[in-house]
């Protein structure tokens, strides 16, 4: 386990309702608390019940208790379970060195499915994120989750990718322990594998 390089460490987890970003933030918060850090978790549910945007904020310090909301342009990392959501939050929370870790699989909103608007070309979206982010990690999290039998595991794959990015003061062991607080032992095997796959995709 490494020391806290950024204090505060501000991690924004964003996605669409139903993707499990709130669970991801709770697991991460528990893991960091258990490691001895001061952690504040804030969640904005918004339109989560209708497939709308959802944001969770995890703020970490060695010894300071902070408010639950990340100030504008002060995110250390943005973890996005849907690529367009990463681009949406960057203007408000990004800064020149922000690390963007995003799932590469779009989740089309209702207005796109109905033909009222269009979704950006994925290559253009990746290029735009790369231009704005200090560092971009483009992760096939949904693909890995589907290989494990359930697309909802993409959020855990993304936690593994976050751990592999090097910005956390904890590793897979601590995050796995956080998962174990949320899931019964019978459900830990796929979660453990999802975590490992996320780590390997970034480290390879």
N, C-alpha and C. Protein backbone atom coordinates (compact mmCIF):
# COMPACT_ATOMS: atom_id res chain seq x y z
N UNK A 1 0.84 -1.19 0.00
CA UNK A 1 0.00 0.00 0.00
C UNK A 1 0.88 1.25 0.00
N UNK A 2 0.58 2.20 -0.87
CA UNK A 2 1.34 3.43 -0.97
C UNK A 2 0.69 4.53 -0.14
N UNK A 3 1.41 5.65 0.00
CA UNK A 3 0.87 6.78 0.73
C UNK A 3 -0.13 7.53 -0.14
N UNK A 4 -0.86 8.45 0.47
CA UNK A 4 -1.82 9.27 -0.24
C UNK A 4 -1.07 10.38 -0.97
N UNK A 5 -0.95 10.26 -2.29
CA UNK A 5 -0.19 11.23 -3.09
C UNK A 5 -0.91 12.56 -3.15
N UNK A 6 -2.24 12.52 -3.31
CA UNK A 6 -3.05 13.73 -3.36
C UNK A 6 -3.88 13.83 -2.08
N UNK A 7 -3.79 14.97 -1.40
CA UNK A 7 -4.58 15.17 -0.19
C UNK A 7 -5.20 16.56 -0.24
N UNK A 8 -6.51 16.64 -0.51
CA UNK A 8 -7.43 15.51 -0.62
C UNK A 8 -7.35 14.80 -1.96
N UNK A 9 -7.71 13.52 -1.92
CA UNK A 9 -7.91 12.72 -3.13
C UNK A 9 -9.39 12.78 -3.44
N UNK A 10 -9.74 13.37 -4.58
CA UNK A 10 -11.14 13.56 -4.95
C UNK A 10 -11.50 12.66 -6.14
N UNK A 11 -12.32 11.67 -5.90
CA UNK A 11 -12.69 10.72 -6.95
C UNK A 11 -14.18 10.85 -7.25
N UNK A 12 -14.48 11.14 -8.48
CA UNK A 12 -15.87 11.26 -8.93
C UNK A 12 -16.23 10.00 -9.73
N UNK A 13 -17.26 9.31 -9.31
CA UNK A 13 -17.74 8.12 -10.03
C UNK A 13 -19.07 8.48 -10.66
N UNK A 14 -19.14 8.39 -11.98
CA UNK A 14 -20.35 8.79 -12.67
C UNK A 14 -20.85 7.69 -13.60
N UNK A 15 -22.12 7.74 -13.90
CA UNK A 15 -22.72 6.75 -14.78
C UNK A 15 -24.20 7.03 -14.95
N UNK A 16 -24.90 6.03 -15.40
CA UNK A 16 -26.34 6.12 -15.62
C UNK A 16 -27.03 5.26 -14.57
N UNK A 17 -28.19 5.68 -14.14
CA UNK A 17 -28.93 4.93 -13.13
C UNK A 17 -29.03 3.45 -13.45
N UNK A 18 -28.70 2.62 -12.47
CA UNK A 18 -28.76 1.18 -12.65
C UNK A 18 -27.42 0.54 -12.95
N UNK A 19 -26.37 1.35 -13.16
CA UNK A 19 -25.05 0.79 -13.47
C UNK A 19 -24.24 0.43 -12.23
N UNK A 20 -24.68 0.89 -11.07
CA UNK A 20 -24.00 0.49 -9.84
C UNK A 20 -22.89 1.42 -9.39
N UNK A 21 -22.94 2.69 -9.78
CA UNK A 21 -21.86 3.57 -9.34
C UNK A 21 -21.96 3.92 -7.85
N UNK A 22 -23.19 3.93 -7.31
CA UNK A 22 -23.34 4.20 -5.88
C UNK A 22 -22.73 3.05 -5.06
N UNK A 23 -22.95 1.83 -5.50
CA UNK A 23 -22.34 0.68 -4.84
C UNK A 23 -20.81 0.77 -4.92
N UNK A 24 -20.30 1.15 -6.08
CA UNK A 24 -18.85 1.27 -6.25
C UNK A 24 -18.27 2.30 -5.28
N UNK A 25 -18.96 3.42 -5.11
CA UNK A 25 -18.45 4.45 -4.20
C UNK A 25 -18.49 3.96 -2.75
N UNK A 26 -19.51 3.20 -2.40
CA UNK A 26 -19.61 2.69 -1.03
C UNK A 26 -18.52 1.67 -0.74
N UNK A 27 -18.23 0.81 -1.71
CA UNK A 27 -17.16 -0.17 -1.54
C UNK A 27 -15.82 0.53 -1.39
N UNK A 28 -15.57 1.51 -2.26
CA UNK A 28 -14.31 2.25 -2.20
C UNK A 28 -14.17 3.00 -0.88
N UNK A 29 -15.27 3.64 -0.46
CA UNK A 29 -15.24 4.37 0.81
C UNK A 29 -14.94 3.46 1.99
N UNK A 30 -15.57 2.31 2.03
CA UNK A 30 -15.33 1.36 3.13
C UNK A 30 -13.88 0.88 3.13
N UNK A 31 -13.35 0.59 1.94
CA UNK A 31 -11.97 0.10 1.84
C UNK A 31 -10.98 1.15 2.33
N UNK A 32 -11.21 2.40 1.97
CA UNK A 32 -10.31 3.47 2.39
C UNK A 32 -10.43 3.78 3.88
N UNK A 33 -11.65 3.71 4.41
CA UNK A 33 -11.85 3.88 5.85
C UNK A 33 -11.11 2.81 6.63
N UNK A 34 -11.22 1.57 6.18
CA UNK A 34 -10.56 0.46 6.86
C UNK A 34 -9.05 0.61 6.84
N UNK A 35 -8.54 1.31 5.81
CA UNK A 35 -7.10 1.53 5.70
C UNK A 35 -6.62 2.70 6.55
N UNK A 36 -7.55 3.38 7.23
CA UNK A 36 -7.17 4.42 8.17
C UNK A 36 -7.30 5.83 7.67
N UNK A 37 -7.90 6.02 6.51
CA UNK A 37 -8.06 7.37 5.96
C UNK A 37 -9.39 7.98 6.38
N UNK A 38 -9.45 9.29 6.33
CA UNK A 38 -10.69 10.01 6.59
C UNK A 38 -11.43 10.13 5.26
N UNK A 39 -12.63 9.61 5.22
CA UNK A 39 -13.36 9.49 3.94
C UNK A 39 -14.75 10.11 4.07
N UNK A 40 -15.11 10.88 3.06
CA UNK A 40 -16.47 11.41 2.95
C UNK A 40 -17.03 10.97 1.61
N UNK A 41 -18.23 10.42 1.61
CA UNK A 41 -18.88 9.98 0.37
C UNK A 41 -20.16 10.77 0.18
N UNK A 42 -20.28 11.39 -0.98
CA UNK A 42 -21.50 12.11 -1.33
C UNK A 42 -22.11 11.52 -2.57
N UNK A 43 -23.43 11.47 -2.62
CA UNK A 43 -24.11 10.85 -3.75
C UNK A 43 -25.23 11.76 -4.27
N UNK A 44 -25.30 11.89 -5.57
CA UNK A 44 -26.41 12.62 -6.18
C UNK A 44 -27.18 11.64 -7.05
N UNK A 45 -28.37 11.30 -6.61
CA UNK A 45 -29.16 10.28 -7.28
C UNK A 45 -29.86 10.80 -8.53
N UNK A 46 -30.27 12.06 -8.51
CA UNK A 46 -30.87 12.65 -9.69
C UNK A 46 -31.99 11.80 -10.26
N UNK A 47 -31.85 11.43 -11.53
CA UNK A 47 -32.87 10.65 -12.22
C UNK A 47 -32.48 9.18 -12.28
N UNK A 48 -31.85 8.68 -11.24
CA UNK A 48 -31.31 7.32 -11.27
C UNK A 48 -32.38 6.27 -11.55
N UNK A 49 -33.59 6.52 -11.09
CA UNK A 49 -34.64 5.53 -11.29
C UNK A 49 -35.12 5.50 -12.74
N UNK A 50 -34.76 6.51 -13.51
CA UNK A 50 -35.23 6.58 -14.90
C UNK A 50 -34.07 6.55 -15.90
N UNK A 51 -32.95 6.02 -15.48
CA UNK A 51 -31.83 5.92 -16.39
C UNK A 51 -31.09 7.22 -16.59
N UNK A 52 -31.25 8.16 -15.65
CA UNK A 52 -30.57 9.44 -15.76
C UNK A 52 -29.18 9.38 -15.18
N UNK A 53 -28.47 10.50 -15.29
CA UNK A 53 -27.10 10.58 -14.80
C UNK A 53 -27.05 10.49 -13.27
N UNK A 54 -26.06 9.79 -12.77
CA UNK A 54 -25.85 9.64 -11.33
C UNK A 54 -24.37 9.90 -11.04
N UNK A 55 -24.09 10.66 -10.00
CA UNK A 55 -22.72 10.92 -9.60
C UNK A 55 -22.52 10.56 -8.13
N UNK A 56 -21.38 9.96 -7.84
CA UNK A 56 -20.96 9.73 -6.46
C UNK A 56 -19.58 10.34 -6.29
N UNK A 57 -19.35 10.94 -5.15
CA UNK A 57 -18.07 11.60 -4.89
C UNK A 57 -17.42 10.99 -3.65
N UNK A 58 -16.18 10.55 -3.80
CA UNK A 58 -15.42 9.98 -2.69
C UNK A 58 -14.24 10.91 -2.43
N UNK A 59 -14.20 11.49 -1.24
CA UNK A 59 -13.14 12.44 -0.87
C UNK A 59 -12.31 11.84 0.26
N UNK A 60 -11.01 11.84 0.08
CA UNK A 60 -10.11 11.10 0.97
C UNK A 60 -9.00 12.02 1.47
N UNK A 61 -8.71 11.93 2.78
CA UNK A 61 -7.62 12.71 3.37
C UNK A 61 -6.95 11.89 4.46
N UNK A 62 -5.74 12.29 4.80
CA UNK A 62 -5.06 11.64 5.92
C UNK A 62 -5.72 12.02 7.24
N UNK A 63 -6.10 13.30 7.38
CA UNK A 63 -6.55 13.76 8.69
C UNK A 63 -7.64 14.82 8.67
N UNK A 64 -8.18 15.15 7.47
CA UNK A 64 -9.20 16.19 7.39
C UNK A 64 -10.56 15.61 7.04
N UNK A 65 -11.60 16.11 7.68
CA UNK A 65 -12.96 15.77 7.31
C UNK A 65 -13.48 16.85 6.38
N UNK A 66 -13.89 16.45 5.19
CA UNK A 66 -14.32 17.42 4.17
C UNK A 66 -15.79 17.28 3.85
N UNK A 67 -16.33 18.29 3.21
CA UNK A 67 -17.71 18.22 2.75
C UNK A 67 -17.84 17.14 1.69
N UNK A 68 -19.05 16.66 1.45
CA UNK A 68 -19.24 15.53 0.53
C UNK A 68 -19.13 15.89 -0.95
N UNK A 69 -19.14 17.18 -1.28
CA UNK A 69 -19.13 17.57 -2.69
C UNK A 69 -17.74 18.04 -3.12
N UNK A 70 -17.25 17.50 -4.22
CA UNK A 70 -15.97 17.92 -4.77
C UNK A 70 -16.14 19.33 -5.35
N UNK A 71 -15.26 20.26 -4.98
CA UNK A 71 -15.36 21.61 -5.57
C UNK A 71 -15.12 21.56 -7.08
N UNK A 72 -15.60 22.56 -7.77
CA UNK A 72 -15.44 22.60 -9.22
C UNK A 72 -13.96 22.56 -9.61
N UNK A 73 -13.68 21.80 -10.66
CA UNK A 73 -12.33 21.67 -11.23
C UNK A 73 -11.30 21.17 -10.23
N UNK A 74 -11.73 20.28 -9.33
CA UNK A 74 -10.79 19.72 -8.36
C UNK A 74 -10.86 18.20 -8.26
N UNK A 75 -11.40 17.53 -9.27
CA UNK A 75 -11.42 16.06 -9.26
C UNK A 75 -10.02 15.54 -9.57
N UNK A 76 -9.53 14.63 -8.75
CA UNK A 76 -8.27 13.95 -9.03
C UNK A 76 -8.48 12.90 -10.12
N UNK A 77 -9.60 12.21 -10.02
CA UNK A 77 -9.93 11.17 -11.00
C UNK A 77 -11.42 11.15 -11.24
N UNK A 78 -11.78 10.85 -12.47
CA UNK A 78 -13.17 10.63 -12.86
C UNK A 78 -13.29 9.20 -13.35
N UNK A 79 -14.10 8.42 -12.67
CA UNK A 79 -14.36 7.03 -13.07
C UNK A 79 -15.76 7.01 -13.66
N UNK A 80 -15.86 6.69 -14.93
CA UNK A 80 -17.15 6.76 -15.61
C UNK A 80 -17.56 5.39 -16.13
N UNK A 81 -18.78 4.99 -15.76
CA UNK A 81 -19.30 3.70 -16.22
C UNK A 81 -19.91 3.80 -17.61
N UNK A 82 -19.92 5.01 -18.17
CA UNK A 82 -20.49 5.25 -19.50
C UNK A 82 -19.68 6.40 -20.11
N UNK A 83 -19.13 6.25 -21.32
CA UNK A 83 -18.15 7.23 -21.82
C UNK A 83 -18.66 8.65 -22.01
N UNK A 84 -19.90 8.83 -22.44
CA UNK A 84 -20.40 10.17 -22.64
C UNK A 84 -20.55 10.91 -21.31
N UNK A 85 -20.85 10.16 -20.24
CA UNK A 85 -20.96 10.78 -18.92
C UNK A 85 -19.63 11.37 -18.47
N UNK A 86 -18.52 10.74 -18.86
CA UNK A 86 -17.20 11.28 -18.52
C UNK A 86 -17.02 12.65 -19.16
N UNK A 87 -17.39 12.76 -20.42
CA UNK A 87 -17.25 14.03 -21.14
C UNK A 87 -18.19 15.09 -20.57
N UNK A 88 -19.34 14.65 -20.10
CA UNK A 88 -20.33 15.59 -19.56
C UNK A 88 -19.85 16.26 -18.27
N UNK A 89 -19.17 15.50 -17.40
CA UNK A 89 -18.77 16.05 -16.10
C UNK A 89 -17.40 16.73 -16.14
N UNK A 90 -16.61 16.48 -17.17
CA UNK A 90 -15.26 17.04 -17.22
C UNK A 90 -15.20 18.56 -17.14
N UNK A 91 -16.05 19.31 -17.87
CA UNK A 91 -15.94 20.77 -17.79
C UNK A 91 -16.14 21.32 -16.37
N UNK A 92 -16.98 20.67 -15.59
CA UNK A 92 -17.25 21.17 -14.25
C UNK A 92 -16.24 20.68 -13.22
N UNK A 93 -15.78 19.44 -13.35
CA UNK A 93 -14.95 18.86 -12.30
C UNK A 93 -13.50 18.58 -12.70
N UNK A 94 -13.22 18.57 -13.99
CA UNK A 94 -11.88 18.25 -14.45
C UNK A 94 -10.88 19.34 -14.16
N UNK A 95 -9.61 18.99 -14.29
CA UNK A 95 -8.50 19.93 -14.19
C UNK A 95 -7.37 19.34 -15.05
N UNK A 96 -6.33 20.10 -15.35
CA UNK A 96 -5.36 19.64 -16.36
C UNK A 96 -4.75 18.26 -16.12
N UNK A 97 -4.64 17.83 -14.87
CA UNK A 97 -4.00 16.55 -14.57
C UNK A 97 -5.00 15.45 -14.23
N UNK A 98 -6.27 15.69 -14.41
CA UNK A 98 -7.28 14.71 -14.01
C UNK A 98 -7.10 13.39 -14.77
N UNK A 99 -7.22 12.29 -14.03
CA UNK A 99 -7.17 10.95 -14.62
C UNK A 99 -8.61 10.53 -14.92
N UNK A 100 -8.88 10.22 -16.18
CA UNK A 100 -10.21 9.77 -16.58
C UNK A 100 -10.14 8.27 -16.88
N UNK A 101 -10.94 7.49 -16.17
CA UNK A 101 -11.00 6.05 -16.37
C UNK A 101 -12.44 5.75 -16.78
N UNK A 102 -12.64 5.35 -18.03
CA UNK A 102 -14.01 5.16 -18.48
C UNK A 102 -14.25 3.80 -19.12
N UNK A 103 -15.42 3.28 -18.86
CA UNK A 103 -15.91 2.11 -19.58
C UNK A 103 -16.08 2.52 -21.05
N UNK A 104 -15.75 1.64 -21.97
CA UNK A 104 -15.83 2.01 -23.39
C UNK A 104 -17.19 1.72 -24.02
N UNK A 105 -18.13 1.16 -23.25
CA UNK A 105 -19.41 0.74 -23.80
C UNK A 105 -20.50 1.79 -23.56
N UNK A 106 -21.06 2.39 -24.62
CA UNK A 106 -22.15 3.36 -24.45
C UNK A 106 -23.40 2.70 -23.88
N UNK A 107 -24.15 3.49 -23.12
CA UNK A 107 -25.48 3.09 -22.69
C UNK A 107 -26.41 4.18 -23.20
N UNK A 108 -27.13 3.89 -24.26
CA UNK A 108 -27.88 4.92 -24.96
C UNK A 108 -29.06 5.44 -24.15
N UNK A 109 -29.16 6.77 -23.99
CA UNK A 109 -30.32 7.34 -23.29
C UNK A 109 -31.58 7.21 -24.13
N UNK A 110 -32.71 7.42 -23.48
CA UNK A 110 -34.00 7.25 -24.12
C UNK A 110 -34.15 8.13 -25.35
N UNK A 111 -33.67 9.38 -25.28
CA UNK A 111 -33.86 10.28 -26.43
C UNK A 111 -33.06 9.84 -27.65
N UNK A 112 -31.97 9.10 -27.43
CA UNK A 112 -31.21 8.55 -28.55
C UNK A 112 -31.93 7.32 -29.12
N UNK A 113 -32.40 6.46 -28.23
CA UNK A 113 -33.12 5.26 -28.66
C UNK A 113 -34.37 5.65 -29.45
N UNK A 114 -35.04 6.73 -29.03
CA UNK A 114 -36.26 7.16 -29.70
C UNK A 114 -35.99 7.95 -30.98
N UNK A 115 -34.72 8.26 -31.23
CA UNK A 115 -34.37 8.98 -32.46
C UNK A 115 -34.44 10.49 -32.35
N UNK A 116 -34.67 11.02 -31.14
CA UNK A 116 -34.77 12.46 -30.96
C UNK A 116 -33.42 13.15 -30.97
N UNK A 117 -32.38 12.40 -30.64
CA UNK A 117 -31.02 12.95 -30.70
C UNK A 117 -30.07 11.81 -31.04
N UNK A 118 -28.81 12.15 -31.26
CA UNK A 118 -27.83 11.15 -31.67
C UNK A 118 -26.71 11.04 -30.64
N UNK A 119 -26.07 9.89 -30.61
CA UNK A 119 -24.94 9.64 -29.71
C UNK A 119 -23.66 9.91 -30.49
N UNK A 120 -22.66 10.56 -29.87
CA UNK A 120 -21.43 10.85 -30.61
C UNK A 120 -20.73 9.59 -31.12
N UNK A 121 -20.01 9.73 -32.22
CA UNK A 121 -19.18 8.64 -32.70
C UNK A 121 -18.18 8.27 -31.60
N UNK A 122 -18.02 6.97 -31.35
CA UNK A 122 -17.20 6.52 -30.22
C UNK A 122 -15.73 6.93 -30.38
N UNK A 123 -15.21 6.87 -31.60
CA UNK A 123 -13.82 7.28 -31.83
C UNK A 123 -13.65 8.77 -31.54
N UNK A 124 -14.64 9.57 -31.94
CA UNK A 124 -14.59 11.01 -31.67
C UNK A 124 -14.67 11.29 -30.18
N UNK A 125 -15.51 10.52 -29.50
CA UNK A 125 -15.67 10.69 -28.06
C UNK A 125 -14.37 10.36 -27.33
N UNK A 126 -13.73 9.26 -27.74
CA UNK A 126 -12.45 8.88 -27.13
C UNK A 126 -11.39 9.95 -27.37
N UNK A 127 -11.35 10.48 -28.60
CA UNK A 127 -10.38 11.52 -28.93
C UNK A 127 -10.62 12.78 -28.10
N UNK A 128 -11.88 13.15 -27.93
CA UNK A 128 -12.22 14.35 -27.15
C UNK A 128 -11.80 14.18 -25.69
N UNK A 129 -12.05 13.00 -25.13
CA UNK A 129 -11.66 12.74 -23.75
C UNK A 129 -10.13 12.79 -23.62
N UNK A 130 -9.43 12.22 -24.58
CA UNK A 130 -7.98 12.21 -24.55
C UNK A 130 -7.38 13.60 -24.61
N UNK A 131 -8.05 14.50 -25.29
CA UNK A 131 -7.55 15.87 -25.40
C UNK A 131 -7.74 16.66 -24.11
N UNK A 132 -8.78 16.34 -23.37
CA UNK A 132 -9.11 17.11 -22.17
C UNK A 132 -8.49 16.51 -20.91
N UNK A 133 -8.41 15.20 -20.84
CA UNK A 133 -7.90 14.53 -19.64
C UNK A 133 -6.38 14.63 -19.57
N UNK A 134 -5.87 14.65 -18.33
CA UNK A 134 -4.43 14.55 -18.16
C UNK A 134 -3.94 13.16 -18.53
N UNK A 135 -4.80 12.17 -18.27
CA UNK A 135 -4.50 10.76 -18.59
C UNK A 135 -5.83 10.06 -18.81
N UNK A 136 -5.92 9.29 -19.87
CA UNK A 136 -7.17 8.57 -20.18
C UNK A 136 -6.93 7.07 -20.19
N UNK A 137 -7.76 6.35 -19.44
CA UNK A 137 -7.76 4.89 -19.48
C UNK A 137 -9.11 4.46 -20.02
N UNK A 138 -9.08 3.81 -21.19
CA UNK A 138 -10.28 3.41 -21.94
C UNK A 138 -10.45 1.92 -21.72
N UNK A 139 -11.42 1.53 -20.90
CA UNK A 139 -11.49 0.17 -20.36
C UNK A 139 -12.71 -0.58 -20.89
N UNK A 140 -12.54 -1.77 -21.50
CA UNK A 140 -13.68 -2.57 -21.95
C UNK A 140 -14.35 -3.30 -20.79
N UNK A 141 -14.90 -2.53 -19.86
CA UNK A 141 -15.43 -3.10 -18.62
C UNK A 141 -16.68 -3.94 -18.84
N UNK A 142 -17.59 -3.46 -19.69
CA UNK A 142 -18.81 -4.23 -19.94
C UNK A 142 -18.49 -5.54 -20.64
N UNK A 143 -17.56 -5.51 -21.56
CA UNK A 143 -17.13 -6.74 -22.24
C UNK A 143 -16.60 -7.75 -21.24
N UNK A 144 -15.77 -7.29 -20.31
CA UNK A 144 -15.24 -8.19 -19.28
C UNK A 144 -16.34 -8.70 -18.38
N UNK A 145 -17.28 -7.84 -18.03
CA UNK A 145 -18.38 -8.24 -17.16
C UNK A 145 -19.28 -9.27 -17.83
N UNK A 146 -19.55 -9.07 -19.12
CA UNK A 146 -20.37 -10.04 -19.84
C UNK A 146 -19.69 -11.40 -19.92
N UNK A 147 -18.38 -11.39 -20.04
CA UNK A 147 -17.63 -12.66 -20.06
C UNK A 147 -17.75 -13.40 -18.73
N UNK A 148 -18.02 -12.63 -17.67
CA UNK A 148 -18.21 -13.23 -16.35
C UNK A 148 -19.67 -13.57 -16.07
N UNK A 149 -20.55 -13.21 -17.01
CA UNK A 149 -21.94 -13.62 -16.89
C UNK A 149 -22.93 -12.55 -16.51
N UNK A 150 -22.47 -11.32 -16.21
CA UNK A 150 -23.42 -10.29 -15.81
C UNK A 150 -22.85 -8.90 -16.10
N UNK A 151 -23.58 -8.09 -16.89
CA UNK A 151 -23.06 -6.74 -17.20
C UNK A 151 -22.95 -5.83 -15.98
N UNK A 152 -23.69 -6.11 -14.91
CA UNK A 152 -23.64 -5.26 -13.73
C UNK A 152 -22.27 -5.32 -13.06
N UNK A 153 -21.47 -6.35 -13.36
CA UNK A 153 -20.13 -6.46 -12.77
C UNK A 153 -19.16 -5.43 -13.35
N UNK A 154 -19.60 -4.67 -14.35
CA UNK A 154 -18.73 -3.64 -14.94
C UNK A 154 -18.27 -2.63 -13.89
N UNK A 155 -19.11 -2.34 -12.90
CA UNK A 155 -18.70 -1.38 -11.88
C UNK A 155 -17.52 -1.90 -11.06
N UNK A 156 -17.49 -3.21 -10.81
CA UNK A 156 -16.38 -3.80 -10.06
C UNK A 156 -15.13 -3.88 -10.94
N UNK A 157 -15.31 -4.18 -12.22
CA UNK A 157 -14.19 -4.13 -13.16
C UNK A 157 -13.55 -2.75 -13.12
N UNK A 158 -14.38 -1.71 -13.09
CA UNK A 158 -13.87 -0.35 -13.07
C UNK A 158 -13.14 -0.03 -11.75
N UNK A 159 -13.56 -0.63 -10.65
CA UNK A 159 -12.83 -0.46 -9.40
C UNK A 159 -11.44 -1.09 -9.51
N UNK A 160 -11.35 -2.23 -10.18
CA UNK A 160 -10.05 -2.85 -10.40
C UNK A 160 -9.16 -1.97 -11.26
N UNK A 161 -9.74 -1.34 -12.29
CA UNK A 161 -8.98 -0.43 -13.14
C UNK A 161 -8.52 0.78 -12.36
N UNK A 162 -9.37 1.30 -11.48
CA UNK A 162 -8.99 2.43 -10.64
C UNK A 162 -7.82 2.06 -9.73
N UNK A 163 -7.89 0.87 -9.15
CA UNK A 163 -6.79 0.42 -8.29
C UNK A 163 -5.48 0.31 -9.07
N UNK A 164 -5.57 -0.12 -10.31
CA UNK A 164 -4.38 -0.29 -11.14
C UNK A 164 -3.81 1.02 -11.64
N UNK A 165 -4.60 2.10 -11.57
CA UNK A 165 -4.15 3.39 -12.10
C UNK A 165 -3.02 4.00 -11.29
N UNK A 166 -2.89 3.58 -10.04
CA UNK A 166 -1.80 4.07 -9.20
C UNK A 166 -2.13 5.30 -8.37
N UNK A 167 -3.36 5.80 -8.46
CA UNK A 167 -3.67 7.02 -7.70
C UNK A 167 -4.22 6.73 -6.30
N UNK A 168 -4.62 5.48 -6.05
CA UNK A 168 -5.16 5.13 -4.74
C UNK A 168 -4.04 4.74 -3.78
N UNK A 169 -4.25 4.99 -2.48
CA UNK A 169 -3.27 4.53 -1.49
C UNK A 169 -3.54 3.10 -1.03
N UNK A 170 -4.46 2.42 -1.70
CA UNK A 170 -4.80 1.03 -1.39
C UNK A 170 -4.78 0.22 -2.68
N UNK A 171 -4.80 -1.11 -2.53
CA UNK A 171 -4.77 -1.99 -3.70
C UNK A 171 -5.96 -2.94 -3.73
N UNK A 172 -5.81 -4.00 -4.51
CA UNK A 172 -6.92 -4.95 -4.71
C UNK A 172 -7.35 -5.62 -3.41
N UNK A 173 -6.40 -5.95 -2.57
CA UNK A 173 -6.73 -6.65 -1.32
C UNK A 173 -7.71 -5.84 -0.48
N UNK A 174 -7.45 -4.54 -0.38
CA UNK A 174 -8.31 -3.69 0.44
C UNK A 174 -9.68 -3.50 -0.20
N UNK A 175 -9.72 -3.35 -1.52
CA UNK A 175 -11.00 -3.19 -2.20
C UNK A 175 -11.81 -4.49 -2.12
N UNK A 176 -11.13 -5.61 -2.22
CA UNK A 176 -11.82 -6.89 -2.08
C UNK A 176 -12.45 -7.01 -0.70
N UNK A 177 -11.75 -6.54 0.32
CA UNK A 177 -12.31 -6.56 1.68
C UNK A 177 -13.53 -5.66 1.77
N UNK A 178 -13.50 -4.53 1.04
CA UNK A 178 -14.66 -3.65 0.99
C UNK A 178 -15.85 -4.32 0.32
N UNK A 179 -15.58 -5.06 -0.74
CA UNK A 179 -16.63 -5.82 -1.42
C UNK A 179 -17.23 -6.87 -0.48
N UNK A 180 -16.37 -7.51 0.31
CA UNK A 180 -16.83 -8.56 1.22
C UNK A 180 -17.77 -8.03 2.29
N UNK A 181 -17.71 -6.72 2.56
CA UNK A 181 -18.64 -6.12 3.50
C UNK A 181 -20.03 -5.92 2.89
N UNK A 182 -20.09 -5.94 1.54
CA UNK A 182 -21.33 -5.65 0.83
C UNK A 182 -22.00 -6.91 0.27
N UNK A 183 -21.21 -7.97 0.05
CA UNK A 183 -21.74 -9.17 -0.59
C UNK A 183 -21.53 -10.39 0.30
N UNK A 184 -22.46 -11.36 0.24
CA UNK A 184 -22.26 -12.61 0.97
C UNK A 184 -21.15 -13.43 0.31
N UNK A 185 -20.53 -14.34 1.05
CA UNK A 185 -19.42 -15.13 0.50
C UNK A 185 -19.76 -15.83 -0.81
N UNK A 186 -21.01 -16.25 -0.96
CA UNK A 186 -21.39 -16.99 -2.18
C UNK A 186 -21.30 -16.14 -3.44
N UNK A 187 -21.35 -14.82 -3.28
CA UNK A 187 -21.30 -13.93 -4.44
C UNK A 187 -19.94 -13.27 -4.64
N UNK A 188 -18.98 -13.65 -3.82
CA UNK A 188 -17.69 -12.99 -3.90
C UNK A 188 -16.82 -13.46 -5.07
N UNK A 189 -16.98 -14.70 -5.51
CA UNK A 189 -16.10 -15.22 -6.57
C UNK A 189 -16.16 -14.38 -7.85
N UNK A 190 -17.36 -14.10 -8.41
CA UNK A 190 -17.39 -13.28 -9.62
C UNK A 190 -16.93 -11.85 -9.39
N UNK A 191 -17.21 -11.30 -8.21
CA UNK A 191 -16.76 -9.95 -7.89
C UNK A 191 -15.24 -9.90 -7.78
N UNK A 192 -14.66 -10.92 -7.19
CA UNK A 192 -13.21 -10.99 -7.07
C UNK A 192 -12.56 -11.08 -8.45
N UNK A 193 -13.16 -11.87 -9.33
CA UNK A 193 -12.63 -12.01 -10.69
C UNK A 193 -12.80 -10.73 -11.49
N UNK A 194 -13.93 -10.05 -11.32
CA UNK A 194 -14.15 -8.77 -12.01
C UNK A 194 -13.11 -7.74 -11.59
N UNK A 195 -12.82 -7.69 -10.30
CA UNK A 195 -11.81 -6.78 -9.77
C UNK A 195 -10.44 -7.07 -10.39
N UNK A 196 -10.11 -8.35 -10.44
CA UNK A 196 -8.82 -8.77 -11.01
C UNK A 196 -8.71 -8.44 -12.49
N UNK A 197 -9.79 -8.62 -13.22
CA UNK A 197 -9.76 -8.34 -14.66
C UNK A 197 -9.57 -6.85 -14.94
N UNK A 198 -10.22 -6.01 -14.15
CA UNK A 198 -10.04 -4.57 -14.30
C UNK A 198 -8.60 -4.17 -14.07
N UNK A 199 -8.00 -4.73 -13.04
CA UNK A 199 -6.59 -4.46 -12.72
C UNK A 199 -5.69 -4.89 -13.88
N UNK A 200 -5.90 -6.09 -14.37
CA UNK A 200 -5.02 -6.63 -15.42
C UNK A 200 -5.15 -5.85 -16.73
N UNK A 201 -6.35 -5.38 -17.06
CA UNK A 201 -6.53 -4.64 -18.31
C UNK A 201 -5.75 -3.34 -18.32
N UNK A 202 -5.61 -2.71 -17.17
CA UNK A 202 -4.85 -1.47 -17.09
C UNK A 202 -3.35 -1.77 -16.99
N UNK A 203 -2.98 -2.74 -16.19
CA UNK A 203 -1.56 -3.03 -15.96
C UNK A 203 -0.90 -3.70 -17.16
N UNK A 204 -1.69 -4.35 -18.01
CA UNK A 204 -1.10 -5.01 -19.19
C UNK A 204 -0.84 -4.01 -20.31
